[in-house]
Amino acid sequence: MTGGPQGTKVDRRGFISSRWGTASAASPAEIASILVQTWPERLDAAERAIEALSGVQIYSRDPKGKLVVVIEGADVGAIGTILNQIALMPDVLTAALVFQGTDTG
């Protein structure tokens, strides 16, 4: 351990990877987008049910029964859990993962 700025303790790995100055930085978040297909006449009900979930936002909507949903979670497991919840909703025909990535802020 060596002394960092303002007398903070920094280990060698933290110093080499430049993490010693970011102790207060937020942890990474997982972000995913999914395509949800539902019956057109059940689109509103599916949209309401999906919006009730935490960490979920509907980005786009097609009146033919398609929704683009953005999910933000603490880790990949949280993304998978929400994806499964959406896929098992009674008004949802399919829910397919389109993109998944990590946002390091």
C-alpha atoms as a PDB file:
ATOM      1  CA  MET A   1       0.000   0.000   0.000  1.00  0.00           C
ATOM      2  CA  THR A   2       1.256   3.452  -0.884  1.00  0.00           C
ATOM      3  CA  GLY A   3      -0.008   6.912  -0.194  1.00  0.00           C
ATOM      4  CA  GLY A   4      -2.359   8.339  -2.823  1.00  0.00           C
ATOM      5  CA  PRO A   5      -3.834  11.792  -3.225  1.00  0.00           C
ATOM      6  CA  GLN A   6      -4.800  13.440   0.058  1.00  0.00           C
ATOM      7  CA  GLY A   7      -3.120  10.610   1.984  1.00  0.00           C
ATOM      8  CA  THR A   8      -5.450   7.802   0.867  1.00  0.00           C
ATOM      9  CA  LYS A   9      -4.082   4.266   0.855  1.00  0.00           C
ATOM     10  CA  VAL A  10      -3.684   2.773  -2.636  1.00  0.00           C
ATOM     11  CA  ASP A  11      -2.619  -0.763  -3.464  1.00  0.00           C
ATOM     12  CA  ARG A  12      -0.279  -1.401  -6.387  1.00  0.00           C
ATOM     13  CA  ARG A  13      -2.965  -2.954  -8.628  1.00  0.00           C
ATOM     14  CA  GLY A  14      -5.349  -0.074  -8.017  1.00  0.00           C
ATOM     15  CA  PHE A  15      -2.639   2.414  -8.872  1.00  0.00           C
ATOM     16  CA  ILE A  16      -1.583   0.600 -12.075  1.00  0.00           C
ATOM     17  CA  SER A  17      -5.173   0.283 -13.298  1.00  0.00           C
ATOM     18  CA  SER A  18      -5.965   3.926 -12.358  1.00  0.00           C
ATOM     19  CA  ARG A  19      -8.702   2.856  -9.938  1.00  0.00           C
ATOM     20  CA  TRP A  20      -7.236   4.714  -6.989  1.00  0.00           C
ATOM     21  CA  GLY A  21      -8.964   7.969  -7.962  1.00  0.00           C
ATOM     22  CA  THR A  22     -12.410   6.447  -8.500  1.00  0.00           C
ATOM     23  CA  ALA A  23     -13.307   5.042  -5.090  1.00  0.00           C
ATOM     24  CA  SER A  24     -16.692   6.781  -5.175  1.00  0.00           C
ATOM     25  CA  ALA A  25     -17.561   5.726  -8.720  1.00  0.00           C
ATOM     26  CA  ALA A  26     -20.797   3.819  -9.197  1.00  0.00           C
ATOM     27  CA  SER A  27     -20.632   0.114  -9.867  1.00  0.00           C
ATOM     28  CA  PRO A  28     -21.272  -1.075 -13.429  1.00  0.00           C
ATOM     29  CA  ALA A  29     -24.842  -1.715 -14.562  1.00  0.00           C
ATOM     30  CA  GLU A  30     -26.059  -4.266 -17.062  1.00  0.00           C
ATOM     31  CA  ILE A  31     -28.271  -2.945 -19.843  1.00  0.00           C
ATOM     32  CA  ALA A  32     -30.292  -5.044 -22.269  1.00  0.00           C
ATOM     33  CA  SER A  33     -32.929  -4.533 -24.905  1.00  0.00           C
ATOM     34  CA  ILE A  34     -35.534  -7.110 -25.774  1.00  0.00           C
ATOM     35  CA  LEU A  35     -38.159  -7.422 -28.465  1.00  0.00           C
ATOM     36  CA  VAL A  36     -41.567  -8.430 -27.128  1.00  0.00           C
ATOM     37  CA  GLN A  37     -44.287  -9.807 -29.422  1.00  0.00           C
ATOM     38  CA  THR A  38     -47.911  -9.912 -28.295  1.00  0.00           C
ATOM     39  CA  TRP A  39     -51.321 -10.050 -29.889  1.00  0.00           C
ATOM     40  CA  PRO A  40     -52.263  -6.566 -31.169  1.00  0.00           C
ATOM     41  CA  GLU A  41     -55.493  -6.572 -29.147  1.00  0.00           C
ATOM     42  CA  ARG A  42     -53.509  -7.366 -25.977  1.00  0.00           C
ATOM     43  CA  LEU A  43     -50.709  -4.859 -26.532  1.00  0.00           C
ATOM     44  CA  ASP A  44     -51.990  -2.344 -23.967  1.00  0.00           C
ATOM     45  CA  ALA A  45     -52.330  -5.001 -21.242  1.00  0.00           C
ATOM     46  CA  ALA A  46     -48.842  -6.345 -21.952  1.00  0.00           C
ATOM     47  CA  GLU A  47     -47.408  -2.827 -21.907  1.00  0.00           C
ATOM     48  CA  ARG A  48     -48.984  -2.057 -18.521  1.00  0.00           C
ATOM     49  CA  ALA A  49     -47.692  -5.312 -17.027  1.00  0.00           C
ATOM     50  CA  ILE A  50     -44.163  -4.741 -18.324  1.00  0.00           C
ATOM     51  CA  GLU A  51     -44.046  -1.125 -17.138  1.00  0.00           C
ATOM     52  CA  ALA A  52     -44.968  -2.306 -13.631  1.00  0.00           C
ATOM     53  CA  LEU A  53     -41.599  -4.091 -13.359  1.00  0.00           C
ATOM     54  CA  SER A  54     -38.677  -2.324 -11.716  1.00  0.00           C
ATOM     55  CA  GLY A  55     -35.756  -1.298 -13.947  1.00  0.00           C
ATOM     56  CA  VAL A  56     -37.782  -1.607 -17.160  1.00  0.00           C
ATOM     57  CA  GLN A  57     -38.696   1.013 -19.757  1.00  0.00           C
ATOM     58  CA  ILE A  58     -40.638   0.637 -22.993  1.00  0.00           C
ATOM     59  CA  TYR A  59     -38.591   2.369 -25.664  1.00  0.00           C
ATOM     60  CA  SER A  60     -40.785   1.811 -28.701  1.00  0.00           C
ATOM     61  CA  ARG A  61     -44.195   0.410 -29.611  1.00  0.00           C
ATOM     62  CA  ASP A  62     -45.679  -0.934 -32.831  1.00  0.00           C
ATOM     63  CA  PRO A  63     -49.485  -1.249 -32.994  1.00  0.00           C
ATOM     64  CA  LYS A  64     -49.050  -4.624 -34.708  1.00  0.00           C
ATOM     65  CA  GLY A  65     -48.082  -6.038 -31.296  1.00  0.00           C
ATOM     66  CA  LYS A  66     -44.377  -5.339 -30.868  1.00  0.00           C
ATOM     67  CA  LEU A  67     -42.563  -3.587 -28.025  1.00  0.00           C
ATOM     68  CA  VAL A  68     -38.904  -2.689 -27.664  1.00  0.00           C
ATOM     69  CA  VAL A  69     -38.085  -2.904 -23.963  1.00  0.00           C
ATOM     70  CA  VAL A  70     -34.925  -1.651 -22.241  1.00  0.00           C
ATOM     71  CA  ILE A  71     -33.885  -3.364 -19.009  1.00  0.00           C
ATOM     72  CA  GLU A  72     -31.320  -2.138 -16.509  1.00  0.00           C
ATOM     73  CA  GLY A  73     -30.083  -4.455 -13.779  1.00  0.00           C
ATOM     74  CA  ALA A  74     -27.270  -4.849 -11.288  1.00  0.00           C
ATOM     75  CA  ASP A  75     -25.917  -7.952 -13.008  1.00  0.00           C
ATOM     76  CA  VAL A  76     -26.590 -10.425 -15.807  1.00  0.00           C
ATOM     77  CA  GLY A  77     -28.700 -12.569 -13.481  1.00  0.00           C
ATOM     78  CA  ALA A  78     -31.085  -9.670 -12.841  1.00  0.00           C
ATOM     79  CA  ILE A  79     -31.461  -9.120 -16.594  1.00  0.00           C
ATOM     80  CA  GLY A  80     -32.245 -12.815 -17.096  1.00  0.00           C
ATOM     81  CA  THR A  81     -34.788 -12.804 -14.285  1.00  0.00           C
ATOM     82  CA  ILE A  82     -36.676  -9.846 -15.742  1.00  0.00           C
ATOM     83  CA  LEU A  83     -36.514 -11.327 -19.255  1.00  0.00           C
ATOM     84  CA  ASN A  84     -38.044 -14.564 -17.943  1.00  0.00           C
ATOM     85  CA  GLN A  85     -40.752 -12.651 -16.062  1.00  0.00           C
ATOM     86  CA  ILE A  86     -41.732 -10.846 -19.251  1.00  0.00           C
ATOM     87  CA  ALA A  87     -41.626 -14.029 -21.355  1.00  0.00           C
ATOM     88  CA  LEU A  88     -44.001 -15.772 -18.923  1.00  0.00           C
ATOM     89  CA  MET A  89     -46.606 -12.993 -18.877  1.00  0.00           C
ATOM     90  CA  PRO A  90     -50.005 -14.178 -20.142  1.00  0.00           C
ATOM     91  CA  ASP A  91     -50.285 -11.516 -22.869  1.00  0.00           C
ATOM     92  CA  VAL A  92     -46.749 -12.069 -24.241  1.00  0.00           C
ATOM     93  CA  LEU A  93     -46.102 -14.436 -27.145  1.00  0.00           C
ATOM     94  CA  THR A  94     -42.302 -14.075 -27.230  1.00  0.00           C
ATOM     95  CA  ALA A  95     -39.581 -12.043 -25.557  1.00  0.00           C
ATOM     96  CA  ALA A  96     -36.205 -12.165 -27.312  1.00  0.00           C
ATOM     97  CA  LEU A  97     -32.925 -10.669 -26.159  1.00  0.00           C
ATOM     98  CA  VAL A  98     -31.588  -8.320 -28.837  1.00  0.00           C
ATOM     99  CA  PHE A  99     -28.676  -6.616 -27.042  1.00  0.00           C
ATOM    100  CA  GLN A 100     -26.901  -6.894 -23.711  1.00  0.00           C
ATOM    101  CA  GLY A 101     -23.973  -4.862 -22.472  1.00  0.00           C
ATOM    102  CA  THR A 102     -22.274  -3.406 -19.422  1.00  0.00           C
ATOM    103  CA  ASP A 103     -22.401   0.316 -18.696  1.00  0.00           C
ATOM    104  CA  THR A 104     -19.398   1.297 -16.622  1.00  0.00           C
ATOM    105  CA  GLY A 105     -20.610   4.861 -16.292  1.00  0.00           C
END
